[in-house]
Amino acid sequence: MPIDASLLREIIMDHYEYPRNKSLTQEDGYESVHMASDSCIDDITVQSKIEDGKIKDIRFDGVACTIATSSTSIMSELLVDKSVKEAQEIIDNYFNMIDQKDYDEDLLEEAIAFQNVGKQANRIHCATIGWKAMEQMIKESEGDKNES
């Protein structure tokens, strides 16, 4: 069922004006990934705390456009308290949505606000920058487990 475009814009603007989890921590146990764009202002650091295969916390900070800030804010809420397997499934569905492929919109919750970003090639990087950072941390956390 098509979702009202104005509702999608409201979700994006709400997360841009009032980003969730937008502060970094010095607390032990957090991994960080810095991401920057060569073509725009997006320059953010994403932190996560992953313990026992579960995402305990996600934070981010930096300077970024509306799409990058709001997509990272939504991601930070959506993936917390998920297992790394559940989080990877959500990330895969998000990337499928961005790439205009089949995806499960029920898994994405508010992240469906970015369903039309794939039609704007210049916005794809903005909508995925925080998600790629988180995916990198998930893969690194799984790598640690596989090396044990």
N, C-alpha and C. Protein backbone atom coordinates (compact mmCIF):
# COMPACT_ATOMS: atom_id res chain seq x y z
N MET A 1 0.84 -1.18 0.00
CA MET A 1 0.00 0.00 0.00
C MET A 1 0.90 1.25 0.00
N PRO A 2 0.67 2.16 -0.93
CA PRO A 2 1.49 3.37 -0.97
C PRO A 2 1.31 4.20 0.30
N ILE A 3 2.40 4.77 0.74
CA ILE A 3 2.38 5.59 1.94
C ILE A 3 2.42 7.05 1.51
N ASP A 4 1.65 7.87 2.18
CA ASP A 4 1.56 9.29 1.87
C ASP A 4 2.95 9.93 1.91
N ALA A 5 3.32 10.59 0.82
CA ALA A 5 4.65 11.22 0.72
C ALA A 5 4.86 12.27 1.81
N SER A 6 3.82 12.96 2.20
CA SER A 6 4.00 13.98 3.24
C SER A 6 4.31 13.34 4.59
N LEU A 7 3.76 12.16 4.86
CA LEU A 7 4.09 11.44 6.09
C LEU A 7 5.56 11.02 6.08
N LEU A 8 6.02 10.55 4.93
CA LEU A 8 7.43 10.15 4.82
C LEU A 8 8.34 11.35 5.07
N ARG A 9 8.00 12.49 4.51
CA ARG A 9 8.79 13.71 4.73
C ARG A 9 8.78 14.11 6.20
N GLU A 10 7.63 13.95 6.86
CA GLU A 10 7.54 14.28 8.29
C GLU A 10 8.48 13.41 9.11
N ILE A 11 8.53 12.12 8.80
CA ILE A 11 9.42 11.20 9.52
C ILE A 11 10.87 11.64 9.33
N ILE A 12 11.24 11.94 8.10
CA ILE A 12 12.62 12.36 7.81
C ILE A 12 12.95 13.66 8.54
N MET A 13 12.06 14.63 8.47
CA MET A 13 12.33 15.92 9.11
C MET A 13 12.38 15.80 10.64
N ASP A 14 11.51 14.96 11.21
CA ASP A 14 11.52 14.76 12.65
C ASP A 14 12.87 14.22 13.12
N HIS A 15 13.41 13.24 12.39
CA HIS A 15 14.69 12.65 12.78
C HIS A 15 15.87 13.58 12.45
N TYR A 16 15.67 14.50 11.51
CA TYR A 16 16.73 15.47 11.23
C TYR A 16 16.75 16.57 12.30
N GLU A 17 15.58 17.09 12.63
CA GLU A 17 15.50 18.18 13.61
C GLU A 17 15.74 17.69 15.04
N TYR A 18 15.35 16.44 15.32
CA TYR A 18 15.50 15.87 16.66
C TYR A 18 16.15 14.48 16.54
N PRO A 19 17.41 14.45 16.11
CA PRO A 19 18.04 13.14 15.90
C PRO A 19 18.17 12.36 17.21
N ARG A 20 17.89 11.08 17.12
CA ARG A 20 18.00 10.20 18.28
C ARG A 20 19.43 9.68 18.36
N ASN A 21 19.91 9.51 19.57
CA ASN A 21 21.21 8.89 19.83
C ASN A 21 22.37 9.65 19.19
N LYS A 22 22.24 10.97 19.09
CA LYS A 22 23.28 11.79 18.45
C LYS A 22 24.23 12.34 19.51
N SER A 23 25.11 11.50 19.95
CA SER A 23 26.20 11.88 20.85
C SER A 23 27.12 10.68 20.97
N LEU A 24 28.40 10.95 21.00
CA LEU A 24 29.38 9.87 21.13
C LEU A 24 29.73 9.67 22.59
N THR A 25 30.29 8.52 22.89
CA THR A 25 30.67 8.20 24.25
C THR A 25 32.14 7.77 24.29
N GLN A 26 32.73 7.93 25.44
CA GLN A 26 34.10 7.44 25.68
C GLN A 26 34.07 6.12 26.45
N GLU A 27 32.89 5.63 26.73
CA GLU A 27 32.71 4.42 27.52
C GLU A 27 33.38 3.22 26.85
N ASP A 28 33.94 2.33 27.66
CA ASP A 28 34.56 1.11 27.14
C ASP A 28 33.53 0.23 26.45
N GLY A 29 34.00 -0.54 25.48
CA GLY A 29 33.15 -1.53 24.83
C GLY A 29 32.50 -1.05 23.55
N TYR A 30 32.74 0.18 23.16
CA TYR A 30 32.16 0.72 21.93
C TYR A 30 33.17 0.66 20.80
N GLU A 31 32.70 0.28 19.64
CA GLU A 31 33.49 0.35 18.42
C GLU A 31 33.03 1.60 17.67
N SER A 32 33.92 2.17 16.88
CA SER A 32 33.59 3.37 16.11
C SER A 32 34.01 3.20 14.66
N VAL A 33 33.19 3.75 13.77
CA VAL A 33 33.54 3.81 12.36
C VAL A 33 33.27 5.22 11.88
N HIS A 34 34.28 5.82 11.29
CA HIS A 34 34.15 7.17 10.72
C HIS A 34 33.85 7.03 9.24
N MET A 35 32.84 7.79 8.78
CA MET A 35 32.46 7.77 7.37
C MET A 35 32.38 9.21 6.89
N ALA A 36 32.91 9.45 5.70
CA ALA A 36 32.83 10.79 5.11
C ALA A 36 32.57 10.65 3.63
N SER A 37 31.95 11.67 3.09
CA SER A 37 31.64 11.69 1.67
C SER A 37 32.60 12.61 0.94
N ASP A 38 32.99 12.21 -0.25
CA ASP A 38 33.85 13.06 -1.08
C ASP A 38 33.03 14.14 -1.79
N SER A 39 31.72 13.93 -1.88
CA SER A 39 30.91 14.81 -2.71
C SER A 39 29.95 15.72 -1.95
N CYS A 40 29.88 15.59 -0.63
CA CYS A 40 28.98 16.47 0.13
C CYS A 40 29.52 16.66 1.55
N ILE A 41 28.72 17.24 2.41
CA ILE A 41 29.17 17.57 3.77
C ILE A 41 29.17 16.39 4.74
N ASP A 42 28.61 15.26 4.34
CA ASP A 42 28.45 14.14 5.26
C ASP A 42 29.79 13.67 5.82
N ASP A 43 29.92 13.78 7.13
CA ASP A 43 31.14 13.39 7.83
C ASP A 43 30.72 12.98 9.24
N ILE A 44 30.46 11.68 9.42
CA ILE A 44 29.93 11.21 10.69
C ILE A 44 30.75 10.05 11.25
N THR A 45 30.61 9.89 12.55
CA THR A 45 31.16 8.74 13.25
C THR A 45 29.99 8.00 13.87
N VAL A 46 29.96 6.70 13.65
CA VAL A 46 28.93 5.84 14.24
C VAL A 46 29.62 4.94 15.26
N GLN A 47 29.02 4.82 16.44
CA GLN A 47 29.54 3.93 17.48
C GLN A 47 28.49 2.87 17.78
N SER A 48 28.95 1.70 18.13
CA SER A 48 28.03 0.67 18.59
C SER A 48 28.68 -0.16 19.69
N LYS A 49 27.82 -0.69 20.52
CA LYS A 49 28.25 -1.62 21.56
C LYS A 49 27.53 -2.93 21.27
N ILE A 50 28.31 -3.92 20.87
CA ILE A 50 27.78 -5.24 20.54
C ILE A 50 28.35 -6.23 21.53
N GLU A 51 27.47 -6.88 22.27
CA GLU A 51 27.91 -7.88 23.26
C GLU A 51 27.09 -9.14 23.11
N ASP A 52 27.77 -10.26 23.14
CA ASP A 52 27.10 -11.57 23.07
C ASP A 52 26.15 -11.66 21.89
N GLY A 53 26.59 -11.12 20.74
CA GLY A 53 25.80 -11.22 19.52
C GLY A 53 24.58 -10.33 19.48
N LYS A 54 24.51 -9.36 20.38
CA LYS A 54 23.36 -8.46 20.44
C LYS A 54 23.84 -7.01 20.43
N ILE A 55 23.09 -6.17 19.72
CA ILE A 55 23.43 -4.75 19.66
C ILE A 55 22.82 -4.06 20.87
N LYS A 56 23.68 -3.60 21.76
CA LYS A 56 23.24 -2.98 23.01
C LYS A 56 22.98 -1.49 22.85
N ASP A 57 23.76 -0.82 21.98
CA ASP A 57 23.62 0.63 21.83
C ASP A 57 24.22 1.06 20.50
N ILE A 58 23.65 2.12 19.94
CA ILE A 58 24.19 2.76 18.73
C ILE A 58 24.12 4.25 18.94
N ARG A 59 25.21 4.92 18.61
CA ARG A 59 25.29 6.38 18.72
C ARG A 59 25.97 6.91 17.46
N PHE A 60 25.78 8.19 17.20
CA PHE A 60 26.49 8.81 16.09
C PHE A 60 26.61 10.30 16.35
N ASP A 61 27.54 10.92 15.61
CA ASP A 61 27.68 12.37 15.67
C ASP A 61 28.47 12.82 14.45
N GLY A 62 28.40 14.10 14.20
CA GLY A 62 29.12 14.67 13.07
C GLY A 62 28.24 15.65 12.33
N VAL A 63 28.71 16.04 11.17
CA VAL A 63 27.98 16.97 10.31
C VAL A 63 27.46 16.19 9.12
N ALA A 64 26.17 16.32 8.86
CA ALA A 64 25.59 15.58 7.74
C ALA A 64 24.31 16.25 7.25
N CYS A 65 23.96 15.94 6.04
CA CYS A 65 22.74 16.49 5.44
C CYS A 65 21.50 15.88 6.08
N THR A 66 20.36 16.36 5.68
CA THR A 66 19.09 15.89 6.23
C THR A 66 18.92 14.38 6.07
N ILE A 67 19.19 13.87 4.87
CA ILE A 67 18.98 12.44 4.59
C ILE A 67 19.95 11.59 5.41
N ALA A 68 21.21 11.96 5.45
CA ALA A 68 22.20 11.17 6.20
C ALA A 68 21.90 11.19 7.70
N THR A 69 21.57 12.37 8.23
CA THR A 69 21.28 12.48 9.66
C THR A 69 20.04 11.67 10.03
N SER A 70 18.97 11.85 9.28
CA SER A 70 17.72 11.18 9.64
C SER A 70 17.80 9.67 9.41
N SER A 71 18.46 9.23 8.35
CA SER A 71 18.55 7.78 8.14
C SER A 71 19.40 7.12 9.22
N THR A 72 20.46 7.80 9.66
CA THR A 72 21.31 7.24 10.72
C THR A 72 20.56 7.25 12.05
N SER A 73 19.79 8.29 12.30
CA SER A 73 18.98 8.37 13.52
C SER A 73 17.97 7.21 13.57
N ILE A 74 17.27 7.01 12.46
CA ILE A 74 16.29 5.91 12.40
C ILE A 74 16.99 4.57 12.58
N MET A 75 18.12 4.38 11.90
CA MET A 75 18.87 3.14 12.03
C MET A 75 19.29 2.90 13.47
N SER A 76 19.70 3.97 14.17
CA SER A 76 20.17 3.82 15.56
C SER A 76 19.07 3.34 16.48
N GLU A 77 17.83 3.69 16.19
CA GLU A 77 16.71 3.20 17.00
C GLU A 77 16.28 1.81 16.57
N LEU A 78 16.29 1.58 15.28
CA LEU A 78 15.75 0.34 14.71
C LEU A 78 16.59 -0.89 15.07
N LEU A 79 17.90 -0.74 15.14
CA LEU A 79 18.77 -1.90 15.32
C LEU A 79 19.14 -2.21 16.77
N VAL A 80 18.89 -1.27 17.68
CA VAL A 80 19.21 -1.52 19.09
C VAL A 80 18.34 -2.65 19.63
N ASP A 81 18.94 -3.49 20.44
CA ASP A 81 18.29 -4.66 21.06
C ASP A 81 18.01 -5.79 20.08
N LYS A 82 18.59 -5.70 18.89
CA LYS A 82 18.46 -6.78 17.91
C LYS A 82 19.72 -7.64 17.97
N SER A 83 19.56 -8.90 17.63
CA SER A 83 20.74 -9.75 17.47
C SER A 83 21.46 -9.27 16.21
N VAL A 84 22.74 -9.61 16.09
CA VAL A 84 23.46 -9.20 14.89
C VAL A 84 22.82 -9.83 13.65
N LYS A 85 22.28 -11.02 13.79
CA LYS A 85 21.61 -11.68 12.65
C LYS A 85 20.36 -10.90 12.25
N GLU A 86 19.54 -10.52 13.23
CA GLU A 86 18.34 -9.73 12.94
C GLU A 86 18.71 -8.38 12.33
N ALA A 87 19.74 -7.75 12.89
CA ALA A 87 20.18 -6.44 12.39
C ALA A 87 20.67 -6.55 10.95
N GLN A 88 21.42 -7.60 10.65
CA GLN A 88 21.91 -7.77 9.28
C GLN A 88 20.75 -7.98 8.31
N GLU A 89 19.72 -8.70 8.73
CA GLU A 89 18.55 -8.90 7.88
C GLU A 89 17.84 -7.56 7.60
N ILE A 90 17.75 -6.72 8.63
CA ILE A 90 17.14 -5.39 8.45
C ILE A 90 18.00 -4.55 7.51
N ILE A 91 19.31 -4.56 7.71
CA ILE A 91 20.22 -3.81 6.85
C ILE A 91 20.11 -4.29 5.41
N ASP A 92 20.09 -5.60 5.21
CA ASP A 92 19.96 -6.15 3.85
C ASP A 92 18.66 -5.68 3.20
N ASN A 93 17.57 -5.70 3.94
CA ASN A 93 16.29 -5.23 3.41
C ASN A 93 16.32 -3.74 3.10
N TYR A 94 16.98 -2.97 3.96
CA TYR A 94 17.11 -1.53 3.72
C TYR A 94 17.86 -1.26 2.41
N PHE A 95 19.00 -1.95 2.23
CA PHE A 95 19.77 -1.77 1.00
C PHE A 95 18.98 -2.23 -0.22
N ASN A 96 18.22 -3.32 -0.08
CA ASN A 96 17.35 -3.76 -1.18
C ASN A 96 16.34 -2.67 -1.53
N MET A 97 15.74 -2.05 -0.51
CA MET A 97 14.78 -0.98 -0.74
C MET A 97 15.45 0.17 -1.49
N ILE A 98 16.61 0.59 -1.02
CA ILE A 98 17.34 1.69 -1.65
C ILE A 98 17.66 1.33 -3.10
N ASP A 99 18.01 0.07 -3.35
CA ASP A 99 18.37 -0.40 -4.70
C ASP A 99 17.14 -0.73 -5.55
N GLN A 100 15.95 -0.41 -5.02
CA GLN A 100 14.69 -0.65 -5.75
C GLN A 100 14.47 -2.14 -6.04
N LYS A 101 14.88 -2.98 -5.09
CA LYS A 101 14.66 -4.42 -5.18
C LYS A 101 13.58 -4.80 -4.17
N ASP A 102 13.18 -6.07 -4.18
CA ASP A 102 12.17 -6.53 -3.23
C ASP A 102 12.71 -6.45 -1.81
N TYR A 103 11.83 -6.05 -0.88
CA TYR A 103 12.20 -5.94 0.52
C TYR A 103 10.97 -6.13 1.39
N ASP A 104 11.20 -6.41 2.67
CA ASP A 104 10.13 -6.59 3.64
C ASP A 104 9.95 -5.28 4.40
N GLU A 105 8.92 -4.52 4.03
CA GLU A 105 8.74 -3.21 4.65
C GLU A 105 8.40 -3.31 6.13
N ASP A 106 7.84 -4.42 6.57
CA ASP A 106 7.52 -4.57 8.00
C ASP A 106 8.78 -4.55 8.86
N LEU A 107 9.88 -5.06 8.33
CA LEU A 107 11.15 -5.07 9.08
C LEU A 107 11.72 -3.66 9.21
N LEU A 108 11.40 -2.78 8.28
CA LEU A 108 12.07 -1.48 8.20
C LEU A 108 11.42 -0.38 9.02
N GLU A 109 10.19 -0.56 9.44
CA GLU A 109 9.49 0.44 10.25
C GLU A 109 9.66 1.83 9.65
N GLU A 110 10.16 2.81 10.43
CA GLU A 110 10.27 4.18 9.92
C GLU A 110 11.29 4.32 8.79
N ALA A 111 12.18 3.38 8.64
CA ALA A 111 13.19 3.46 7.58
C ALA A 111 12.55 3.43 6.19
N ILE A 112 11.30 3.03 6.09
CA ILE A 112 10.63 3.06 4.79
C ILE A 112 10.46 4.48 4.28
N ALA A 113 10.71 5.46 5.14
CA ALA A 113 10.65 6.86 4.70
C ALA A 113 11.63 7.12 3.56
N PHE A 114 12.63 6.24 3.39
CA PHE A 114 13.64 6.43 2.36
C PHE A 114 13.39 5.56 1.13
N GLN A 115 12.16 5.07 0.98
CA GLN A 115 11.85 4.14 -0.11
C GLN A 115 12.04 4.73 -1.51
N ASN A 116 12.02 6.04 -1.64
CA ASN A 116 12.18 6.65 -2.97
C ASN A 116 13.59 7.19 -3.22
N VAL A 117 14.47 7.04 -2.24
CA VAL A 117 15.83 7.57 -2.38
C VAL A 117 16.56 6.92 -3.55
N GLY A 118 16.31 5.67 -3.81
CA GLY A 118 16.98 4.97 -4.90
C GLY A 118 16.73 5.57 -6.26
N LYS A 119 15.67 6.36 -6.37
CA LYS A 119 15.35 7.04 -7.64
C LYS A 119 16.18 8.31 -7.80
N GLN A 120 16.90 8.70 -6.75
CA GLN A 120 17.74 9.91 -6.76
C GLN A 120 19.18 9.48 -6.49
N ALA A 121 19.90 9.17 -7.52
CA ALA A 121 21.24 8.59 -7.37
C ALA A 121 22.15 9.42 -6.46
N ASN A 122 21.98 10.74 -6.49
CA ASN A 122 22.85 11.59 -5.68
C ASN A 122 22.52 11.51 -4.19
N ARG A 123 21.43 10.87 -3.80
CA ARG A 123 21.04 10.76 -2.39
C ARG A 123 21.30 9.37 -1.80
N ILE A 124 21.65 8.42 -2.65
CA ILE A 124 21.84 7.04 -2.16
C ILE A 124 22.95 6.99 -1.11
N HIS A 125 24.07 7.64 -1.38
CA HIS A 125 25.17 7.63 -0.41
C HIS A 125 24.72 8.25 0.92
N CYS A 126 23.96 9.33 0.84
CA CYS A 126 23.48 9.99 2.06
C CYS A 126 22.62 9.04 2.89
N ALA A 127 21.75 8.31 2.23
CA ALA A 127 20.80 7.44 2.92
C ALA A 127 21.44 6.17 3.45
N THR A 128 22.66 5.87 3.01
CA THR A 128 23.28 4.61 3.42
C THR A 128 24.56 4.78 4.24
N ILE A 129 25.04 5.98 4.41
CA ILE A 129 26.34 6.20 5.06
C ILE A 129 26.39 5.62 6.48
N GLY A 130 25.39 5.90 7.30
CA GLY A 130 25.36 5.37 8.66
C GLY A 130 25.12 3.88 8.69
N TRP A 131 24.28 3.40 7.77
CA TRP A 131 23.98 1.98 7.68
C TRP A 131 25.22 1.17 7.30
N LYS A 132 26.03 1.72 6.40
CA LYS A 132 27.26 1.02 5.99
C LYS A 132 28.25 0.96 7.16
N ALA A 133 28.31 2.03 7.95
CA ALA A 133 29.18 2.02 9.13
C ALA A 133 28.74 0.93 10.10
N MET A 134 27.44 0.84 10.32
CA MET A 134 26.92 -0.18 11.25
C MET A 134 27.15 -1.58 10.72
N GLU A 135 26.96 -1.77 9.43
CA GLU A 135 27.19 -3.08 8.83
C GLU A 135 28.66 -3.48 9.00
N GLN A 136 29.56 -2.54 8.85
CA GLN A 136 30.98 -2.81 9.03
C GLN A 136 31.26 -3.27 10.47
N MET A 137 30.65 -2.60 11.44
CA MET A 137 30.87 -2.99 12.85
C MET A 137 30.28 -4.37 13.14
N ILE A 138 29.14 -4.68 12.54
CA ILE A 138 28.54 -6.01 12.73
C ILE A 138 29.48 -7.07 12.16
N LYS A 139 29.98 -6.84 10.96
CA LYS A 139 30.89 -7.81 10.34
C LYS A 139 32.16 -7.98 11.17
N GLU A 140 32.68 -6.87 11.70
CA GLU A 140 33.87 -6.96 12.55
C GLU A 140 33.57 -7.73 13.84
N SER A 141 32.40 -7.53 14.41
CA SER A 141 32.04 -8.26 15.64
C SER A 141 31.89 -9.75 15.36
N GLU A 142 31.39 -10.08 14.20
CA GLU A 142 31.27 -11.49 13.81
C GLU A 142 32.63 -12.08 13.51
N GLY A 143 33.53 -11.29 12.95
CA GLY A 143 34.89 -11.74 12.68
C GLY A 143 35.62 -12.09 13.96
N ASP A 144 35.41 -11.27 14.99
CA ASP A 144 36.02 -11.55 16.30
C ASP A 144 35.56 -12.90 16.82
N LYS A 145 34.26 -13.18 16.64
CA LYS A 145 33.70 -14.42 17.13
C LYS A 145 34.28 -15.61 16.36
N ASN A 146 34.46 -15.43 15.05
CA ASN A 146 34.97 -16.52 14.21
C ASN A 146 36.44 -16.82 14.47
N GLU A 147 37.17 -15.84 14.99
CA GLU A 147 38.60 -16.02 15.27
C GLU A 147 38.84 -16.72 16.61
N SER A 148 37.84 -16.76 17.46
CA SER A 148 38.01 -17.35 18.81
C SER A 148 38.14 -18.86 18.74
